Amino acid sequence: MLIAESIIPWTQEWLWYWELWLSDGEWRGGGVHPGELTIEQYMDHINNSHHKPANKGK
């Protein structure tokens, strides 16, 4: 896989969420900090979440 198809799009998306977070303090990028949730709780959160990941060009 080319870096242009993996790292670059991921970085672009992360920076988008970072800029939004800087503007209002609300993180919209999903994920959790280590130790906040068990893997089971995290998977339940992802499966029941209304958060839709950004279209990755597909």
Foldseek 3Di string as FASTA:
>chain_A
DDCVLPVVLVVVLVVVQVVVCVVPVDRLQDDDDPPPDDPVVNVVCVVPDPRDDDPSPD
